[in-house]
Amino acid sequence: MNENLVNKELKKYIEENIFKIYDLNGEAHGINHIKNVLERAFELADGNKQIDFNMLYTAVSYHDIGDHIDREISVADHIHQPFDICTA
């Protein structure tokens, strides 16, 4: 992931305040999963001038945050949500 595409303050906030919530999720939807999805999302978005990379980083970072609360809703919503938000 190209770190220069994301605002440093945004990235720091998410890493310090949001990522720790993933400890509540099962391993399949924990922080390692989020980091893998971030890497893949940035690979897929590479070269696309319509993508807001701050929004992509945020959307992917939050996409499974509620998995520990309601797994059924999380599965239905998380597949296309990050790219739908970033290209709106």
N, C-alpha and C. Protein backbone atom coordinates (compact mmCIF):
# COMPACT_ATOMS: atom_id res chain seq x y z
N MET A 1 0.85 -1.18 0.00
CA MET A 1 0.00 0.00 0.00
C MET A 1 0.89 1.24 0.00
N ASN A 2 0.58 2.17 -0.86
CA ASN A 2 1.33 3.41 -0.92
C ASN A 2 0.87 4.33 0.21
N GLU A 3 1.69 4.45 1.24
CA GLU A 3 1.37 5.24 2.43
C GLU A 3 1.15 6.71 2.12
N ASN A 4 1.74 7.21 1.05
CA ASN A 4 1.64 8.64 0.72
C ASN A 4 0.28 9.03 0.17
N LEU A 5 -0.56 8.07 -0.15
CA LEU A 5 -1.88 8.37 -0.71
C LEU A 5 -2.92 8.66 0.37
N VAL A 6 -2.59 8.39 1.63
CA VAL A 6 -3.53 8.58 2.73
C VAL A 6 -3.01 9.66 3.67
N ASN A 7 -3.90 10.55 4.07
CA ASN A 7 -3.57 11.61 5.01
C ASN A 7 -2.98 10.99 6.28
N LYS A 8 -1.83 11.49 6.71
CA LYS A 8 -1.12 10.90 7.86
C LYS A 8 -1.93 10.99 9.15
N GLU A 9 -2.64 12.09 9.36
CA GLU A 9 -3.44 12.24 10.57
C GLU A 9 -4.62 11.27 10.58
N LEU A 10 -5.24 11.09 9.43
CA LEU A 10 -6.35 10.12 9.32
C LEU A 10 -5.84 8.72 9.61
N LYS A 11 -4.74 8.35 8.99
CA LYS A 11 -4.17 7.02 9.17
C LYS A 11 -3.81 6.78 10.65
N LYS A 12 -3.19 7.76 11.27
CA LYS A 12 -2.81 7.65 12.68
C LYS A 12 -4.05 7.48 13.56
N TYR A 13 -5.09 8.27 13.30
CA TYR A 13 -6.32 8.17 14.09
C TYR A 13 -6.92 6.76 13.98
N ILE A 14 -7.03 6.26 12.76
CA ILE A 14 -7.62 4.94 12.56
C ILE A 14 -6.77 3.85 13.21
N GLU A 15 -5.48 3.93 13.04
CA GLU A 15 -4.59 2.92 13.64
C GLU A 15 -4.66 2.93 15.16
N GLU A 16 -4.76 4.10 15.76
CA GLU A 16 -4.74 4.21 17.22
C GLU A 16 -6.12 4.00 17.86
N ASN A 17 -7.19 4.30 17.15
CA ASN A 17 -8.52 4.28 17.76
C ASN A 17 -9.48 3.23 17.21
N ILE A 18 -9.33 2.87 15.96
CA ILE A 18 -10.27 1.96 15.33
C ILE A 18 -9.74 0.53 15.27
N PHE A 19 -8.50 0.37 14.90
CA PHE A 19 -7.95 -0.97 14.73
C PHE A 19 -8.06 -1.81 16.01
N LYS A 20 -7.95 -1.21 17.18
CA LYS A 20 -8.02 -1.99 18.42
C LYS A 20 -9.40 -2.61 18.65
N ILE A 21 -10.44 -2.06 18.03
CA ILE A 21 -11.78 -2.63 18.17
C ILE A 21 -11.85 -4.00 17.51
N TYR A 22 -11.01 -4.24 16.53
CA TYR A 22 -11.00 -5.53 15.84
C TYR A 22 -10.56 -6.68 16.74
N ASP A 23 -10.00 -6.38 17.90
CA ASP A 23 -9.65 -7.43 18.86
C ASP A 23 -10.91 -8.13 19.37
N LEU A 24 -12.07 -7.47 19.25
CA LEU A 24 -13.34 -8.05 19.69
C LEU A 24 -13.89 -9.07 18.69
N ASN A 25 -13.44 -8.99 17.46
CA ASN A 25 -13.91 -9.90 16.41
C ASN A 25 -13.16 -11.23 16.48
N GLY A 26 -13.72 -12.22 15.82
CA GLY A 26 -13.01 -13.48 15.68
C GLY A 26 -11.81 -13.28 14.78
N GLU A 27 -10.93 -14.25 14.77
CA GLU A 27 -9.69 -14.15 14.00
C GLU A 27 -9.94 -13.91 12.51
N ALA A 28 -10.98 -14.50 11.96
CA ALA A 28 -11.26 -14.36 10.53
C ALA A 28 -11.58 -12.92 10.13
N HIS A 29 -12.04 -12.13 11.08
CA HIS A 29 -12.37 -10.72 10.79
C HIS A 29 -11.66 -9.78 11.75
N GLY A 30 -10.47 -10.18 12.15
CA GLY A 30 -9.65 -9.37 13.04
C GLY A 30 -8.76 -8.41 12.26
N ILE A 31 -7.79 -7.84 12.93
CA ILE A 31 -6.94 -6.80 12.34
C ILE A 31 -6.09 -7.33 11.19
N ASN A 32 -5.67 -8.58 11.24
CA ASN A 32 -4.88 -9.12 10.12
C ASN A 32 -5.72 -9.16 8.85
N HIS A 33 -6.99 -9.52 8.99
CA HIS A 33 -7.90 -9.50 7.84
C HIS A 33 -8.02 -8.09 7.28
N ILE A 34 -8.19 -7.11 8.14
CA ILE A 34 -8.34 -5.72 7.69
C ILE A 34 -7.09 -5.26 6.96
N LYS A 35 -5.94 -5.57 7.49
CA LYS A 35 -4.69 -5.18 6.83
C LYS A 35 -4.53 -5.86 5.47
N ASN A 36 -4.95 -7.11 5.37
CA ASN A 36 -4.91 -7.80 4.07
C ASN A 36 -5.87 -7.17 3.08
N VAL A 37 -7.07 -6.81 3.53
CA VAL A 37 -8.05 -6.18 2.65
C VAL A 37 -7.56 -4.79 2.23
N LEU A 38 -6.94 -4.05 3.14
CA LEU A 38 -6.37 -2.75 2.78
C LEU A 38 -5.34 -2.90 1.67
N GLU A 39 -4.45 -3.85 1.83
CA GLU A 39 -3.40 -4.08 0.83
C GLU A 39 -4.02 -4.41 -0.52
N ARG A 40 -4.99 -5.30 -0.52
CA ARG A 40 -5.64 -5.71 -1.77
C ARG A 40 -6.43 -4.56 -2.39
N ALA A 41 -7.14 -3.80 -1.57
CA ALA A 41 -7.94 -2.68 -2.08
C ALA A 41 -7.05 -1.64 -2.75
N PHE A 42 -5.90 -1.35 -2.16
CA PHE A 42 -5.00 -0.37 -2.75
C PHE A 42 -4.35 -0.91 -4.03
N GLU A 43 -4.10 -2.20 -4.08
CA GLU A 43 -3.59 -2.80 -5.32
C GLU A 43 -4.63 -2.67 -6.43
N LEU A 44 -5.88 -2.97 -6.12
CA LEU A 44 -6.94 -2.89 -7.11
C LEU A 44 -7.20 -1.46 -7.57
N ALA A 45 -7.04 -0.51 -6.67
CA ALA A 45 -7.32 0.89 -6.97
C ALA A 45 -6.15 1.62 -7.62
N ASP A 46 -5.00 0.99 -7.63
CA ASP A 46 -3.80 1.63 -8.16
C ASP A 46 -4.02 2.16 -9.58
N GLY A 47 -3.74 3.42 -9.77
CA GLY A 47 -3.87 4.03 -11.08
C GLY A 47 -5.24 4.58 -11.40
N ASN A 48 -6.22 4.31 -10.55
CA ASN A 48 -7.57 4.82 -10.77
C ASN A 48 -7.66 6.25 -10.22
N LYS A 49 -7.77 7.22 -11.08
CA LYS A 49 -7.77 8.62 -10.68
C LYS A 49 -9.09 9.06 -10.04
N GLN A 50 -10.12 8.21 -10.10
CA GLN A 50 -11.41 8.56 -9.51
C GLN A 50 -11.51 8.17 -8.04
N ILE A 51 -10.55 7.42 -7.54
CA ILE A 51 -10.59 6.93 -6.17
C ILE A 51 -10.09 8.00 -5.20
N ASP A 52 -10.83 8.20 -4.14
CA ASP A 52 -10.40 9.02 -3.01
C ASP A 52 -9.75 8.04 -2.04
N PHE A 53 -8.43 8.05 -1.96
CA PHE A 53 -7.70 7.07 -1.17
C PHE A 53 -7.90 7.24 0.33
N ASN A 54 -8.19 8.44 0.78
CA ASN A 54 -8.54 8.63 2.19
C ASN A 54 -9.86 7.92 2.49
N MET A 55 -10.81 8.04 1.60
CA MET A 55 -12.10 7.39 1.78
C MET A 55 -11.95 5.87 1.67
N LEU A 56 -11.15 5.40 0.73
CA LEU A 56 -10.92 3.96 0.59
C LEU A 56 -10.31 3.40 1.86
N TYR A 57 -9.30 4.05 2.39
CA TYR A 57 -8.64 3.60 3.62
C TYR A 57 -9.64 3.54 4.77
N THR A 58 -10.46 4.58 4.87
CA THR A 58 -11.45 4.64 5.95
C THR A 58 -12.51 3.56 5.79
N ALA A 59 -13.05 3.41 4.59
CA ALA A 59 -14.11 2.43 4.36
C ALA A 59 -13.62 1.01 4.62
N VAL A 60 -12.45 0.69 4.13
CA VAL A 60 -11.91 -0.66 4.36
C VAL A 60 -11.61 -0.86 5.85
N SER A 61 -11.08 0.15 6.49
CA SER A 61 -10.74 0.05 7.91
C SER A 61 -11.96 -0.20 8.79
N TYR A 62 -13.09 0.30 8.37
CA TYR A 62 -14.32 0.13 9.15
C TYR A 62 -15.20 -1.03 8.68
N HIS A 63 -14.88 -1.66 7.58
CA HIS A 63 -15.85 -2.53 6.92
C HIS A 63 -16.30 -3.75 7.73
N ASP A 64 -15.53 -4.22 8.67
CA ASP A 64 -15.94 -5.35 9.51
C ASP A 64 -15.98 -4.98 10.99
N ILE A 65 -16.06 -3.72 11.29
CA ILE A 65 -15.95 -3.28 12.69
C ILE A 65 -17.06 -3.84 13.57
N GLY A 66 -18.22 -4.08 13.02
CA GLY A 66 -19.33 -4.59 13.81
C GLY A 66 -19.51 -6.09 13.74
N ASP A 67 -18.54 -6.79 13.22
CA ASP A 67 -18.66 -8.25 13.06
C ASP A 67 -18.98 -8.94 14.38
N HIS A 68 -18.40 -8.48 15.46
CA HIS A 68 -18.63 -9.10 16.76
C HIS A 68 -20.03 -8.81 17.31
N ILE A 69 -20.72 -7.82 16.74
CA ILE A 69 -22.06 -7.45 17.19
C ILE A 69 -23.13 -8.22 16.41
N ASP A 70 -23.01 -8.20 15.08
CA ASP A 70 -24.03 -8.86 14.25
C ASP A 70 -23.38 -9.38 12.98
N ARG A 71 -22.96 -10.59 13.01
CA ARG A 71 -22.25 -11.22 11.89
C ARG A 71 -23.10 -11.25 10.62
N GLU A 72 -24.39 -11.48 10.73
CA GLU A 72 -25.26 -11.60 9.56
C GLU A 72 -25.29 -10.30 8.75
N ILE A 73 -25.41 -9.17 9.40
CA ILE A 73 -25.42 -7.88 8.69
C ILE A 73 -24.04 -7.60 8.10
N SER A 74 -23.00 -7.88 8.83
CA SER A 74 -21.65 -7.63 8.37
C SER A 74 -21.35 -8.36 7.06
N VAL A 75 -21.72 -9.61 6.96
CA VAL A 75 -21.45 -10.39 5.74
C VAL A 75 -22.20 -9.80 4.55
N ALA A 76 -23.43 -9.42 4.73
CA ALA A 76 -24.24 -8.90 3.62
C ALA A 76 -23.71 -7.58 3.09
N ASP A 77 -23.18 -6.74 3.94
CA ASP A 77 -22.81 -5.38 3.55
C ASP A 77 -21.36 -5.18 3.13
N HIS A 78 -20.45 -5.99 3.57
CA HIS A 78 -19.04 -5.62 3.44
C HIS A 78 -18.40 -5.91 2.09
N ILE A 79 -18.99 -6.68 1.26
CA ILE A 79 -18.32 -7.10 0.03
C ILE A 79 -18.05 -5.95 -0.94
N HIS A 80 -19.04 -5.13 -1.26
CA HIS A 80 -18.87 -4.08 -2.25
C HIS A 80 -18.79 -2.68 -1.65
N GLN A 81 -19.07 -2.56 -0.39
CA GLN A 81 -19.19 -1.25 0.24
C GLN A 81 -17.98 -0.33 0.06
N PRO A 82 -16.75 -0.77 0.29
CA PRO A 82 -15.63 0.18 0.17
C PRO A 82 -15.50 0.83 -1.20
N PHE A 83 -15.65 0.07 -2.28
CA PHE A 83 -15.51 0.66 -3.62
C PHE A 83 -16.73 1.49 -4.00
N ASP A 84 -17.91 1.09 -3.54
CA ASP A 84 -19.11 1.88 -3.80
C ASP A 84 -18.98 3.26 -3.16
N ILE A 85 -18.48 3.31 -1.94
CA ILE A 85 -18.33 4.58 -1.24
C ILE A 85 -17.28 5.46 -1.91
N CYS A 86 -16.17 4.87 -2.31
CA CYS A 86 -15.03 5.64 -2.82
C CYS A 86 -15.23 6.16 -4.24
N THR A 87 -16.17 5.63 -4.95
CA THR A 87 -16.39 6.12 -6.30
C THR A 87 -17.69 6.90 -6.42
N ALA A 88 -18.34 7.16 -5.31
CA ALA A 88 -19.61 7.91 -5.31
C ALA A 88 -19.40 9.36 -5.66
